[in-house]
Amino acid sequence: MVGDWDSLVQLVTDKGFFKTKYKSPIGFHPFVERIHEARGPPQLKSFFCGLVKDDEKRLDLALRFGVYDVLLETVTKLPKVRIAEDVKDQLLLARDYPPEDCPIMIDSALHDPSIKWK
């Protein structure tokens, strides 16, 4: 049962008439935490982290558990310079150093003229 990751996704899947929705009465952050503890697949951790509705909570989860694709997406979705610079600094100071391009991508997003930063 420990390695049966498909059943975890089926647990939160709600198939509607037109599209599939994902619902959880406890939220999706416990899923991310348990997948991380069980050393589950990074793609699954990214999937559940991306389902967290609250941007601040999603950003916190992505930073804590090293879900860098969701982290970059959330930083650019929240166009606040202070948050982006804080995240970049935290990534540079992290003990388990993230991929090299992560702080560089945040820096390039900060200089992207198509994003209206506040």
Protein backbone atom coordinates (compact mmCIF):
# COMPACT_ATOMS: atom_id res chain seq x y z
CA MET A 1 0.00 0.00 0.00
CA VAL A 2 2.94 2.35 0.62
CA GLY A 3 3.92 2.51 -3.05
CA ASP A 4 0.39 2.71 -4.45
CA TRP A 5 0.50 6.37 -5.48
CA ASP A 6 -2.30 6.14 -8.07
CA SER A 7 -4.85 5.40 -5.36
CA LEU A 8 -3.82 8.62 -3.62
CA VAL A 9 -4.75 10.64 -6.70
CA GLN A 10 -8.00 8.70 -7.11
CA LEU A 11 -8.87 9.57 -3.52
CA VAL A 12 -9.21 13.28 -4.39
CA THR A 13 -10.50 12.91 -7.97
CA ASP A 14 -14.05 14.04 -8.66
CA LYS A 15 -15.02 13.31 -12.25
CA GLY A 16 -17.57 15.81 -13.43
CA PHE A 17 -19.54 15.74 -16.64
CA PHE A 18 -17.19 18.04 -18.54
CA LYS A 19 -13.89 17.87 -16.64
CA THR A 20 -12.09 16.28 -13.75
CA LYS A 21 -11.87 18.23 -10.50
CA TYR A 22 -9.80 17.55 -7.44
CA LYS A 23 -11.36 18.00 -4.00
CA SER A 24 -10.13 17.38 -0.49
CA PRO A 25 -12.00 18.31 2.70
CA ILE A 26 -8.67 18.59 4.58
CA GLY A 27 -6.87 20.55 1.87
CA PHE A 28 -3.92 19.36 -0.19
CA HIS A 29 -1.05 20.41 2.07
CA PRO A 30 -1.25 17.22 4.19
CA PHE A 31 -0.82 15.20 1.00
CA VAL A 32 2.36 17.09 0.12
CA GLU A 33 3.72 16.58 3.64
CA ARG A 34 3.01 12.82 3.66
CA ILE A 35 4.38 12.28 0.16
CA HIS A 36 7.57 14.05 1.20
CA GLU A 37 7.84 11.97 4.39
CA ALA A 38 7.34 8.74 2.43
CA ARG A 39 9.89 9.84 -0.18
CA GLY A 40 7.24 9.69 -2.86
CA PRO A 41 7.64 10.67 -6.49
CA PRO A 42 8.56 14.34 -7.04
CA GLN A 43 5.93 14.63 -9.80
CA LEU A 44 3.20 13.65 -7.35
CA LYS A 45 4.48 16.13 -4.77
CA SER A 46 4.43 18.81 -7.46
CA PHE A 47 0.91 17.81 -8.52
CA PHE A 48 -0.55 18.10 -5.01
CA CYS A 49 1.40 21.25 -4.21
CA GLY A 50 -0.03 22.86 -7.34
CA LEU A 51 -3.57 22.08 -6.14
CA VAL A 52 -3.22 24.20 -2.99
CA LYS A 53 -5.51 27.21 -3.54
CA ASP A 54 -3.91 29.76 -1.22
CA ASP A 55 -0.87 31.31 -2.94
CA GLU A 56 1.00 32.03 0.29
CA LYS A 57 0.52 28.48 1.58
CA ARG A 58 1.50 27.02 -1.81
CA LEU A 59 4.65 29.17 -1.79
CA ASP A 60 5.51 28.03 1.73
CA LEU A 61 4.98 24.35 0.84
CA ALA A 62 7.01 24.64 -2.33
CA LEU A 63 9.90 26.21 -0.41
CA ARG A 64 9.80 23.73 2.48
CA PHE A 65 9.59 20.61 0.35
CA GLY A 66 11.66 21.66 -2.67
CA VAL A 67 8.93 21.77 -5.31
CA TYR A 68 10.75 24.25 -7.50
CA ASP A 69 8.48 24.21 -10.56
CA VAL A 70 5.48 25.20 -8.41
CA LEU A 71 7.67 27.71 -6.57
CA LEU A 72 8.63 29.52 -9.78
CA GLU A 73 5.06 29.46 -11.06
CA THR A 74 3.72 30.88 -7.79
CA VAL A 75 6.36 33.62 -7.56
CA THR A 76 5.48 34.88 -11.04
CA LYS A 77 1.75 34.55 -10.30
CA LEU A 78 2.18 36.77 -7.22
CA PRO A 79 3.97 39.67 -8.87
CA LYS A 80 5.40 41.17 -5.69
CA VAL A 81 9.07 42.12 -5.81
CA ARG A 82 9.56 41.69 -2.07
CA ILE A 83 8.26 38.10 -2.11
CA ALA A 84 10.33 37.20 -5.18
CA GLU A 85 13.51 38.60 -3.66
CA ASP A 86 12.84 36.87 -0.32
CA VAL A 87 12.33 33.54 -2.08
CA LYS A 88 15.49 34.03 -4.12
CA ASP A 89 17.49 34.78 -0.96
CA GLN A 90 16.07 31.75 0.82
CA LEU A 91 17.00 29.54 -2.13
CA LEU A 92 20.55 30.87 -2.15
CA LEU A 93 20.90 30.20 1.60
CA ALA A 94 19.29 26.75 1.55
CA ARG A 95 21.40 23.88 2.87
CA ASP A 96 19.98 21.41 0.37
CA TYR A 97 20.78 23.74 -2.49
CA PRO A 98 18.11 23.81 -5.19
CA PRO A 99 18.87 23.53 -8.89
CA GLU A 100 21.24 26.29 -9.98
CA ASP A 101 18.82 27.79 -12.41
CA CYS A 102 16.06 28.38 -9.84
CA PRO A 103 17.42 31.69 -8.39
CA ILE A 104 18.48 32.71 -11.90
CA MET A 105 14.97 32.10 -13.21
CA ILE A 106 13.49 34.23 -10.42
CA ASP A 107 15.99 36.96 -11.22
CA SER A 108 15.11 36.85 -14.92
CA ALA A 109 11.41 36.93 -14.04
CA LEU A 110 12.06 40.07 -11.96
CA HIS A 111 13.49 41.72 -15.08
CA ASP A 112 10.72 40.47 -17.38
CA PRO A 113 8.82 43.52 -18.70
CA SER A 114 5.66 41.46 -19.38
CA ILE A 115 5.17 40.87 -15.62
CA LYS A 116 3.74 43.86 -13.77
CA TRP A 117 5.66 43.74 -10.48
CA LYS A 118 4.42 45.64 -7.43
